[in-house]
């Protein structure tokens, strides 16, 4: 039986259509990749925060969980909890300012002070995740910071300002003061790598009493963020 050979000759008029088709397939592949990465990032952040909550509660509880528990075996790390009730900002804090840590938690500069200590407690987070609520921050806002198995400390916002990325002096230690510095990218609506940094500084003031207004805001904040932390 004779073989039949079919030869297709590409016409110049077909080239634009093939190019458009190829571009569409590439765009679709990129979009699917971005969607998959976004879904993974959200899942990873949620899972990591749940693990941090388990560790935090285990440290707070008088009934200790077995040391070989599956979750606790994976999370041998220092954990603290940040809460700004009026803004609905809440999340668990971990040592490190690298990309991996900031993708999963609020980062704490390891060389800076810890909650309640003399010096400057330096925290950072992305403007579209844990610190998105800082766009509405005001002077006098109350910030709670508590390390696992330790006292909850209360800070009051005293300064809000914007600096350039190279202005690292905001992270420097301070003498004879107990302060908290929160850093996030600015402006919040900027697409891509934001050119500036929003700085929110607060002073330790554990003597502030919770007024009825603050107590209600705190309750609303916990209820609103119960599924986030």
Protein backbone atom coordinates (compact mmCIF):
# COMPACT_ATOMS: atom_id res chain seq x y z
CA UNK A 1 0.00 0.00 0.00
CA UNK A 2 1.59 3.30 -1.02
CA UNK A 3 2.35 5.86 1.66
CA UNK A 4 0.68 9.18 1.45
CA UNK A 5 2.76 12.15 2.61
CA UNK A 6 0.94 15.31 3.54
CA UNK A 7 3.00 18.46 3.59
CA UNK A 8 1.66 21.63 5.14
CA UNK A 9 3.18 24.84 4.01
CA UNK A 10 2.90 27.69 6.48
CA UNK A 11 1.37 30.68 4.83
CA UNK A 12 2.59 34.10 5.88
CA UNK A 13 -1.00 35.08 6.62
CA UNK A 14 -1.18 32.37 9.32
CA UNK A 15 1.80 33.68 11.31
CA UNK A 16 -0.02 36.51 13.19
CA UNK A 17 -2.75 34.12 14.29
CA UNK A 18 -0.24 31.57 15.57
CA UNK A 19 1.66 34.28 17.44
CA UNK A 20 -1.54 35.47 19.12
CA UNK A 21 -2.40 31.87 20.05
CA UNK A 22 1.06 31.32 21.54
CA UNK A 23 0.85 34.56 23.53
CA UNK A 24 -2.54 33.55 24.89
CA UNK A 25 -1.22 30.17 26.02
CA UNK A 26 1.80 31.77 27.68
CA UNK A 27 -0.41 34.35 29.42
CA UNK A 28 -2.76 31.61 30.60
CA UNK A 29 0.17 29.58 31.96
CA UNK A 30 1.56 32.60 33.80
CA UNK A 31 -1.87 33.44 35.25
CA UNK A 32 -2.36 29.87 36.45
CA UNK A 33 1.12 29.89 37.99
CA UNK A 34 0.40 33.15 39.82
CA UNK A 35 -2.92 31.79 41.08
CA UNK A 36 -1.28 28.60 42.32
CA UNK A 37 1.47 30.57 44.08
CA UNK A 38 -1.09 32.89 45.69
CA UNK A 39 -3.15 29.95 46.91
CA UNK A 40 -0.06 28.26 48.32
CA UNK A 41 1.04 31.46 50.08
CA UNK A 42 -2.35 31.88 51.76
CA UNK A 43 -2.44 28.22 52.79
CA UNK A 44 1.14 28.33 54.10
CA UNK A 45 0.47 31.50 56.10
CA UNK A 46 -2.75 30.14 57.59
CA UNK A 47 -1.15 26.81 58.51
CA UNK A 48 1.89 28.48 60.03
CA UNK A 49 -0.23 30.83 62.13
CA UNK A 50 -2.29 27.89 63.40
CA UNK A 51 0.92 26.13 64.43
CA UNK A 52 2.10 29.29 66.18
CA UNK A 53 -1.21 29.52 68.03
CA UNK A 54 -0.83 25.91 69.16
CA UNK A 55 2.64 26.62 70.49
CA UNK A 56 1.51 29.83 72.19
CA UNK A 57 -1.44 28.14 73.89
CA UNK A 58 0.66 25.17 74.88
CA UNK A 59 3.15 27.48 76.58
CA UNK A 60 0.30 29.29 78.36
CA UNK A 61 -1.45 26.13 79.50
CA UNK A 62 -0.52 24.47 82.81
CA UNK A 63 -1.29 21.14 81.13
CA UNK A 64 1.72 20.52 78.90
CA UNK A 65 1.35 18.80 75.56
CA UNK A 66 3.59 15.80 74.97
CA UNK A 67 6.92 17.04 73.55
CA UNK A 68 6.70 14.60 70.65
CA UNK A 69 3.33 15.98 69.49
CA UNK A 70 3.40 16.22 65.65
CA UNK A 71 2.83 19.98 65.45
CA UNK A 72 5.13 21.01 68.29
CA UNK A 73 7.96 18.90 66.91
CA UNK A 74 8.06 21.17 63.83
CA UNK A 75 7.90 24.59 65.48
CA UNK A 76 10.80 24.96 67.88
CA UNK A 77 10.76 28.75 67.77
CA UNK A 78 10.07 31.82 69.90
CA UNK A 79 6.49 33.05 69.49
CA UNK A 80 4.72 36.23 70.57
CA UNK A 81 1.26 37.61 69.90
CA UNK A 82 0.46 41.11 68.61
CA UNK A 83 -3.01 42.64 68.86
CA UNK A 84 -4.30 46.12 67.99
CA UNK A 85 -8.03 45.78 68.72
CA UNK A 86 -9.28 49.07 67.23
CA UNK A 87 -7.62 48.32 63.89
CA UNK A 88 -8.36 44.62 63.75
CA UNK A 89 -4.63 43.92 63.47
CA UNK A 90 -3.64 40.60 65.02
CA UNK A 91 -1.07 37.92 64.37
CA UNK A 92 1.76 35.86 65.78
CA UNK A 93 5.30 37.21 65.86
CA UNK A 94 8.45 35.22 65.13
CA UNK A 95 12.15 36.05 65.03
CA UNK A 96 13.47 37.05 61.61
CA UNK A 97 12.94 39.68 58.92
CA UNK A 98 13.64 37.43 55.92
CA UNK A 99 11.10 36.88 53.14
CA UNK A 100 10.05 33.45 54.38
CA UNK A 101 9.27 34.70 57.89
CA UNK A 102 7.41 37.80 56.66
CA UNK A 103 5.33 35.63 54.33
CA UNK A 104 4.14 33.56 57.29
CA UNK A 105 4.17 35.87 60.31
CA UNK A 106 5.00 39.26 61.76
CA UNK A 107 8.78 39.46 61.85
CA UNK A 108 10.80 40.46 64.90
CA UNK A 109 14.35 41.81 64.55
CA UNK A 110 16.30 39.27 66.60
CA UNK A 111 18.83 41.85 67.81
CA UNK A 112 16.08 44.17 69.12
CA UNK A 113 14.39 44.15 72.51
CA UNK A 114 11.58 41.81 73.51
CA UNK A 115 8.15 42.71 74.87
CA UNK A 116 8.38 44.77 78.04
CA UNK A 117 12.15 45.14 77.94
CA UNK A 118 14.19 48.33 77.88
CA UNK A 119 15.05 49.37 74.35
CA UNK A 120 13.31 49.19 70.99
CA UNK A 121 11.13 46.23 69.99
CA UNK A 122 11.28 46.17 66.17
CA UNK A 123 8.50 44.41 64.25
CA UNK A 124 7.83 44.31 60.50
CA UNK A 125 5.13 42.84 58.26
CA UNK A 126 3.75 43.23 54.75
CA UNK A 127 1.25 46.00 54.08
CA UNK A 128 -1.15 43.59 52.35
CA UNK A 129 -1.17 40.94 55.09
CA UNK A 130 -0.72 41.36 58.85
CA UNK A 131 -0.11 45.13 58.84
CA UNK A 132 -2.80 46.10 56.32
CA UNK A 133 -4.84 47.62 59.16
CA UNK A 134 -2.09 50.11 59.98
CA UNK A 135 -3.43 52.40 57.25
CA UNK A 136 -5.95 53.60 59.83
CA UNK A 137 -3.58 53.95 62.80
CA UNK A 138 -3.95 56.99 65.06
CA UNK A 139 -1.98 58.48 67.92
CA UNK A 140 -3.13 56.95 71.19
CA UNK A 141 -4.05 53.54 69.72
CA UNK A 142 -3.35 50.68 72.12
CA UNK A 143 -1.07 47.83 71.06
CA UNK A 144 -0.84 44.58 73.02
CA UNK A 145 2.27 42.43 72.75
CA UNK A 146 2.74 39.19 74.65
CA UNK A 147 5.39 36.53 74.42
CA UNK A 148 4.41 32.94 75.13
CA UNK A 149 4.26 32.12 78.84
CA UNK A 150 4.92 35.78 79.72
CA UNK A 151 3.01 38.89 80.75
CA UNK A 152 0.90 40.78 78.20
CA UNK A 153 2.32 44.27 77.72
CA UNK A 154 0.42 47.35 76.62
CA UNK A 155 1.92 50.01 74.36
CA UNK A 156 0.40 53.32 73.27
CA UNK A 157 1.09 54.80 69.82
CA UNK A 158 3.03 58.06 70.11
CA UNK A 159 4.41 58.64 66.59
CA UNK A 160 3.35 57.86 63.01
CA UNK A 161 5.57 58.95 60.14
CA UNK A 162 7.01 57.93 56.76
CA UNK A 163 10.70 57.35 55.90
CA UNK A 164 12.79 56.04 53.02
CA UNK A 165 14.01 52.40 53.05
CA UNK A 166 17.58 53.48 53.84
CA UNK A 167 16.46 55.27 57.04
CA UNK A 168 17.35 52.34 59.27
CA UNK A 169 17.88 54.61 62.27
CA UNK A 170 14.25 53.90 63.24
CA UNK A 171 15.36 50.38 64.19
CA UNK A 172 18.27 51.42 66.36
CA UNK A 173 18.29 50.59 70.10
CA UNK A 174 17.24 53.37 72.47
CA UNK A 175 18.42 54.04 76.00
CA UNK A 176 16.20 54.49 79.05
CA UNK A 177 13.03 53.87 77.04
CA UNK A 178 10.69 50.97 76.45
CA UNK A 179 9.28 51.38 72.97
CA UNK A 180 7.85 49.42 70.07
CA UNK A 181 8.51 50.19 66.39
CA UNK A 182 6.29 48.67 63.67
CA UNK A 183 7.40 48.92 60.05
CA UNK A 184 5.55 48.25 56.80
CA UNK A 185 5.77 49.35 53.17
CA UNK A 186 4.10 52.59 52.07
CA UNK A 187 1.93 53.74 50.31
CA UNK A 188 -0.58 50.95 50.89
CA UNK A 189 -2.14 51.33 47.44
CA UNK A 190 1.18 51.26 45.56
CA UNK A 191 1.51 48.46 43.00
CA UNK A 192 4.86 46.68 43.21
CA UNK A 193 7.73 47.44 45.57
CA UNK A 194 6.61 50.46 47.58
CA UNK A 195 9.17 53.30 47.67
CA UNK A 196 8.75 54.26 51.34
CA UNK A 197 8.14 52.80 54.80
CA UNK A 198 5.41 53.61 57.32
CA UNK A 199 6.75 53.77 60.87
CA UNK A 200 4.46 53.40 63.87
CA UNK A 201 6.13 53.88 67.24
CA UNK A 202 4.55 53.20 70.62
CA UNK A 203 5.64 53.63 74.22
CA UNK A 204 5.22 50.95 76.88
CA UNK A 205 2.46 51.97 79.27
CA UNK A 206 1.17 49.02 81.26
CA UNK A 207 -0.61 51.43 83.61
CA UNK A 208 -3.27 52.38 81.01
CA UNK A 209 -6.66 51.14 82.12
CA UNK A 210 -9.04 49.65 79.55
CA UNK A 211 -11.88 52.16 79.18
CA UNK A 212 -15.32 50.86 78.13
CA UNK A 213 -14.60 52.06 74.57
CA UNK A 214 -11.27 50.24 74.43
CA UNK A 215 -12.75 47.12 75.99
CA UNK A 216 -15.49 47.00 73.33
CA UNK A 217 -12.94 47.58 70.55
CA UNK A 218 -10.77 44.82 71.97
CA UNK A 219 -13.71 42.41 72.06
CA UNK A 220 -14.70 43.28 68.47
CA UNK A 221 -11.11 42.87 67.32
CA UNK A 222 -10.78 39.41 68.86
CA UNK A 223 -14.10 38.31 67.38
CA UNK A 224 -13.20 39.63 63.92
CA UNK A 225 -9.77 38.00 63.91
CA UNK A 226 -10.61 34.71 65.57
CA UNK A 227 -10.24 32.84 62.29
CA UNK A 228 -6.97 34.60 61.41
CA UNK A 229 -4.79 33.69 64.39
